[in-house]
N, C-alpha and C. Protein backbone atom coordinates (compact mmCIF):
# COMPACT_ATOMS: atom_id res chain seq x y z
N UNK A 1 32.03 -20.86 37.98
CA UNK A 1 32.16 -19.78 38.81
C UNK A 1 31.31 -18.38 38.28
N UNK A 2 31.00 -18.41 37.25
CA UNK A 2 30.10 -16.99 37.05
C UNK A 2 28.80 -17.60 37.00
N UNK A 3 28.28 -18.75 36.86
CA UNK A 3 27.18 -19.22 36.98
C UNK A 3 26.78 -19.06 38.53
N UNK A 4 27.68 -19.56 39.28
CA UNK A 4 27.19 -19.67 40.51
C UNK A 4 27.25 -18.24 41.32
N UNK A 5 28.04 -17.32 40.87
CA UNK A 5 27.88 -15.71 40.95
C UNK A 5 26.65 -15.11 40.61
N UNK A 6 26.38 -15.67 39.31
CA UNK A 6 25.03 -14.66 38.74
C UNK A 6 24.15 -15.17 39.95
N UNK A 7 23.60 -16.04 40.55
CA UNK A 7 22.92 -16.35 41.48
C UNK A 7 22.97 -16.10 42.75
N UNK A 8 23.99 -15.19 42.78
CA UNK A 8 24.26 -14.68 44.60
C UNK A 8 23.78 -13.58 44.72
N UNK A 9 22.80 -13.33 45.93
CA UNK A 9 22.33 -12.71 46.25
C UNK A 9 22.64 -11.27 46.83
N UNK A 10 23.91 -11.32 46.96
CA UNK A 10 24.49 -10.33 47.14
C UNK A 10 25.23 -9.54 46.32
N UNK A 11 25.68 -10.15 45.09
CA UNK A 11 26.47 -9.53 44.02
C UNK A 11 26.16 -8.33 43.49
N UNK A 12 24.44 -8.21 42.90
CA UNK A 12 24.07 -6.42 43.33
C UNK A 12 24.51 -5.45 43.79
N UNK A 13 24.18 -5.96 45.17
CA UNK A 13 24.94 -5.33 45.87
C UNK A 13 26.12 -4.47 46.14
N UNK A 14 27.09 -5.73 45.77
CA UNK A 14 28.80 -5.71 45.97
C UNK A 14 28.80 -4.76 44.73
N UNK A 15 28.34 -4.80 43.58
CA UNK A 15 28.51 -4.23 42.38
C UNK A 15 28.10 -2.72 42.42
N UNK A 16 26.91 -2.10 43.30
CA UNK A 16 26.88 -1.00 43.39
C UNK A 16 27.41 0.06 44.43
N UNK A 17 28.34 -1.64 45.20
CA UNK A 17 29.28 -0.50 46.40
C UNK A 17 30.26 -0.42 45.91
N UNK A 18 30.86 -1.21 45.05
CA UNK A 18 32.33 -1.11 44.07
C UNK A 18 32.16 0.48 42.90
N UNK A 19 31.03 0.33 42.81
CA UNK A 19 31.10 1.55 41.78
C UNK A 19 30.48 3.06 42.66
N UNK A 20 30.53 2.79 43.79
CA UNK A 20 30.27 4.44 44.89
C UNK A 20 31.69 4.36 44.89
N UNK A 21 32.47 4.12 45.12
CA UNK A 21 34.16 4.46 45.20
C UNK A 21 34.06 4.02 47.10
N UNK A 22 33.10 3.53 47.64
CA UNK A 22 33.47 3.54 49.09
C UNK A 22 33.64 2.38 49.49
N UNK A 23 34.33 1.35 49.26
CA UNK A 23 34.14 -0.19 49.49
C UNK A 23 34.49 -0.59 50.73
N UNK A 24 35.64 0.19 50.95
CA UNK A 24 36.31 -0.48 52.14
C UNK A 24 35.54 -0.16 53.70
N UNK A 25 35.33 1.15 53.75
CA UNK A 25 34.73 1.61 55.06
C UNK A 25 35.99 1.74 55.99
N UNK A 26 35.55 2.30 57.11
CA UNK A 26 36.53 2.47 58.04
C UNK A 26 36.92 1.15 58.64
N UNK A 27 38.51 1.24 58.87
CA UNK A 27 39.16 -0.39 59.06
C UNK A 27 39.59 0.24 60.78
N UNK A 28 40.00 -1.14 61.34
CA UNK A 28 40.01 -1.08 62.96
C UNK A 28 41.75 -0.74 62.48
N UNK A 29 42.75 -0.24 63.47
CA UNK A 29 44.08 -0.57 63.52
C UNK A 29 44.47 -1.81 63.58
N UNK A 30 45.31 -2.18 62.49
CA UNK A 30 46.37 -3.34 62.01
C UNK A 30 47.94 -3.08 62.83
N UNK A 31 48.22 -4.18 63.22
CA UNK A 31 49.71 -3.84 63.79
C UNK A 31 50.79 -5.01 63.35
N UNK A 32 50.24 -5.46 62.28
CA UNK A 32 51.29 -6.58 61.55
C UNK A 32 51.07 -5.90 60.34
N UNK A 33 52.02 -6.79 59.45
CA UNK A 33 52.20 -6.24 57.83
C UNK A 33 51.08 -6.45 56.81
N UNK A 34 51.01 -5.78 55.81
CA UNK A 34 49.61 -6.00 55.21
C UNK A 34 50.27 -5.95 53.72
N UNK A 35 49.96 -6.80 52.89
CA UNK A 35 50.06 -7.07 51.52
C UNK A 35 48.99 -7.16 50.89
N UNK A 36 48.48 -5.81 50.11
CA UNK A 36 47.68 -5.95 49.27
C UNK A 36 47.47 -6.06 47.57
N UNK A 37 47.23 -7.05 46.92
CA UNK A 37 47.80 -7.21 45.95
C UNK A 37 46.42 -6.87 44.94
N UNK A 38 46.59 -6.47 43.73
CA UNK A 38 45.41 -6.12 42.86
C UNK A 38 45.84 -6.57 41.43
N UNK A 39 44.84 -6.67 40.84
CA UNK A 39 45.34 -6.99 39.21
C UNK A 39 44.65 -5.92 38.57
N UNK A 40 45.78 -5.23 37.90
CA UNK A 40 45.77 -4.24 37.21
C UNK A 40 44.52 -4.01 36.01
N UNK A 41 43.83 -4.86 35.55
CA UNK A 41 43.03 -5.29 34.76
C UNK A 41 41.36 -5.57 35.40
N UNK A 42 41.61 -5.24 36.69
CA UNK A 42 39.90 -5.50 37.60
C UNK A 42 39.17 -4.44 37.39
N UNK A 43 38.19 -4.75 36.60
CA UNK A 43 37.07 -3.69 36.35
C UNK A 43 35.87 -3.11 37.51
N UNK A 44 36.04 -4.07 38.61
CA UNK A 44 35.12 -3.85 39.52
C UNK A 44 35.86 -3.25 41.01
N UNK A 45 36.75 -3.42 40.97
CA UNK A 45 37.47 -2.65 42.26
C UNK A 45 38.90 -1.64 41.32
N UNK A 46 38.80 -0.83 41.08
CA UNK A 46 39.62 0.13 40.28
C UNK A 46 40.89 0.93 40.99
N UNK A 47 42.04 0.26 40.51
CA UNK A 47 43.06 1.28 41.07
C UNK A 47 43.06 2.72 40.57
N UNK A 48 43.26 3.80 40.98
CA UNK A 48 43.67 3.77 42.39
C UNK A 48 42.00 4.18 43.36
N UNK A 49 40.95 4.35 42.25
CA UNK A 49 40.07 4.95 42.67
C UNK A 49 39.31 4.49 44.12
N UNK A 50 39.32 2.86 43.85
CA UNK A 50 38.65 2.36 45.13
C UNK A 50 39.74 2.25 46.35
N UNK A 51 41.13 2.35 46.03
CA UNK A 51 41.95 2.05 47.16
C UNK A 51 42.63 3.07 48.04
N UNK A 52 42.05 4.65 47.50
CA UNK A 52 42.38 6.02 47.74
C UNK A 52 42.02 5.74 49.75
N UNK A 53 40.88 5.42 50.30
CA UNK A 53 41.08 5.36 51.80
C UNK A 53 41.67 4.26 52.27
N UNK A 54 41.49 3.30 51.82
CA UNK A 54 42.90 1.98 52.30
C UNK A 54 43.70 2.43 52.45
N UNK A 55 44.22 3.40 51.40
CA UNK A 55 45.87 3.76 51.63
C UNK A 55 46.08 4.78 52.77
N UNK A 56 44.90 5.81 52.74
CA UNK A 56 45.08 6.57 54.09
C UNK A 56 45.12 5.67 55.03
N UNK A 57 44.34 4.87 55.44
CA UNK A 57 44.04 3.94 56.74
C UNK A 57 45.32 2.96 56.45
N UNK A 58 45.97 2.91 55.89
CA UNK A 58 46.66 1.74 56.10
C UNK A 58 48.39 2.18 55.28
N UNK A 59 48.99 3.35 55.69
CA UNK A 59 50.19 3.79 54.67
C UNK A 59 51.02 2.98 54.90
N UNK A 60 51.30 2.17 55.86
CA UNK A 60 52.56 1.39 55.56
C UNK A 60 52.26 0.08 55.10
N UNK A 61 50.80 0.02 54.41
CA UNK A 61 50.77 -1.38 53.19
C UNK A 61 51.15 -1.60 52.17
N UNK A 62 51.71 -2.57 51.82
CA UNK A 62 52.83 -3.19 50.66
C UNK A 62 51.56 -3.30 49.55
N UNK A 63 51.44 -2.09 48.61
CA UNK A 63 50.45 -2.47 47.65
C UNK A 63 51.66 -2.84 46.49
N UNK A 64 50.96 -4.27 45.90
CA UNK A 64 51.02 -4.94 44.65
C UNK A 64 50.82 -5.15 43.52
N UNK A 65 50.85 -4.67 42.17
CA UNK A 65 50.15 -4.57 41.08
C UNK A 65 50.45 -5.98 40.48
N UNK A 66 49.36 -6.60 39.83
CA UNK A 66 49.59 -7.77 39.38
C UNK A 66 49.14 -7.11 37.92
N UNK A 67 50.11 -6.70 37.28
CA UNK A 67 50.13 -6.74 35.75
C UNK A 67 49.56 -7.53 34.71
N UNK A 68 48.28 -6.78 34.20
CA UNK A 68 47.42 -7.54 33.43
C UNK A 68 46.31 -8.83 33.84
N UNK A 69 46.42 -8.98 35.20
CA UNK A 69 45.51 -9.51 35.77
C UNK A 69 43.57 -8.77 36.29
N UNK A 70 43.20 -9.75 36.28
CA UNK A 70 41.61 -9.21 36.72
C UNK A 70 41.28 -9.22 38.58
N UNK A 71 39.60 -9.36 38.53
CA UNK A 71 39.41 -9.11 39.96
C UNK A 71 39.82 -10.51 40.45
N UNK A 72 39.84 -11.64 39.84
CA UNK A 72 40.27 -12.66 40.84
C UNK A 72 41.37 -13.21 40.45
N UNK A 73 42.66 -12.49 41.03
CA UNK A 73 44.06 -12.54 40.65
C UNK A 73 44.27 -14.06 41.40
N UNK A 74 43.88 -14.70 42.05
CA UNK A 74 44.00 -16.00 42.39
C UNK A 74 43.99 -17.20 41.53
N UNK A 75 43.16 -16.84 40.64
CA UNK A 75 42.52 -17.47 39.58
C UNK A 75 43.31 -17.17 38.92
N UNK A 76 43.45 -15.97 38.03
CA UNK A 76 44.48 -15.93 36.75
C UNK A 76 45.23 -16.42 37.18
N UNK A 77 46.29 -16.46 38.06
CA UNK A 77 47.30 -16.75 38.36
C UNK A 77 47.76 -17.02 39.56
N UNK A 78 47.68 -18.50 39.88
CA UNK A 78 47.41 -19.18 41.61
C UNK A 78 49.17 -18.67 41.84
N UNK A 79 49.86 -19.43 41.31
CA UNK A 79 51.21 -19.71 41.65
C UNK A 79 52.01 -17.84 41.66
N UNK A 80 51.26 -17.32 41.25
CA UNK A 80 51.98 -15.73 41.72
C UNK A 80 51.39 -15.15 42.51
N UNK A 81 49.95 -15.82 42.84
CA UNK A 81 49.28 -14.99 44.04
C UNK A 81 50.12 -15.96 45.48
N UNK A 82 49.96 -17.29 45.50
CA UNK A 82 50.79 -17.62 46.32
C UNK A 82 51.89 -17.67 46.50
N UNK A 83 52.75 -17.50 45.54
CA UNK A 83 54.23 -16.74 45.75
C UNK A 83 54.51 -15.58 46.95
N UNK A 84 53.41 -14.49 45.92
CA UNK A 84 53.52 -12.96 46.60
C UNK A 84 52.62 -13.52 47.99
N UNK A 85 52.03 -14.29 48.71
CA UNK A 85 51.69 -14.20 49.82
C UNK A 85 52.59 -14.58 50.73
N UNK A 86 53.24 -16.19 50.63
CA UNK A 86 54.46 -16.33 51.03
C UNK A 86 55.35 -15.57 51.36
N UNK A 87 55.69 -14.56 50.58
CA UNK A 87 56.79 -13.81 50.76
C UNK A 87 56.87 -12.80 51.98
N UNK A 88 55.46 -12.92 52.61
CA UNK A 88 55.09 -11.99 53.64
C UNK A 88 54.50 -12.76 55.07
N UNK A 89 54.15 -14.27 54.36
CA UNK A 89 53.54 -15.13 55.65
C UNK A 89 54.53 -16.24 55.90
N UNK A 90 55.48 -16.70 54.94
CA UNK A 90 55.86 -17.64 55.17
C UNK A 90 56.73 -17.83 56.70
N UNK A 91 56.99 -18.87 57.35
CA UNK A 91 57.99 -18.80 58.49
C UNK A 91 59.63 -18.28 58.89
N UNK A 92 59.83 -18.68 57.41
CA UNK A 92 61.36 -18.55 57.60
C UNK A 92 61.71 -17.23 56.88
N UNK A 93 60.91 -16.40 56.70
CA UNK A 93 60.78 -14.96 56.13
C UNK A 93 60.50 -13.67 57.38
N UNK A 94 61.03 -12.85 57.23
CA UNK A 94 60.78 -11.39 58.02
C UNK A 94 60.74 -10.45 57.13
N UNK A 95 59.37 -10.05 56.58
CA UNK A 95 59.29 -9.06 55.76
C UNK A 95 58.64 -7.87 56.62
N UNK A 96 59.39 -6.64 55.89
CA UNK A 96 58.70 -5.56 56.21
C UNK A 96 57.29 -4.72 55.36
N UNK A 97 56.65 -4.58 55.48
CA UNK A 97 56.00 -3.84 54.47
C UNK A 97 56.27 -2.70 54.07
N UNK A 98 56.38 -2.54 52.59
CA UNK A 98 56.81 -1.38 51.89
C UNK A 98 56.36 0.09 52.23
N UNK A 99 56.83 0.92 52.33
CA UNK A 99 55.64 2.36 52.14
C UNK A 99 55.16 2.72 51.24
N UNK A 100 53.75 2.82 51.02
CA UNK A 100 53.23 2.71 49.77
C UNK A 100 53.37 4.39 49.19
C-alpha cells in the first residue's frame, strides 16, 4: 500500500493541502446523519486543527475518535470501522447524530 502511494501523482498535493489546514473546503448542505471517524494518531489530518472548518459546516455531525489509530482506520482496525459505520447505516437501526 505504501509503495503504491509513493507513486501516486496527487500525494504531494494532498500532503501540502493537509499541512495548510484547509483540506475540506466548503461543503454543500447535508440532510442525513453524518458520522466522521478519525484516528487519534493520524499525523496527516490532525484533530482538532483540520476539523475546525468541517465542524462549523456540519455542527450536527457525530465525531468519533478511534483511540490509538492512524490515518487509515479501516486498515488499522477493520472490524471496529465496520461496526461504527453500521451503527448509523444498518437498515434496522435509527440513529440520530450526536451534537459535536
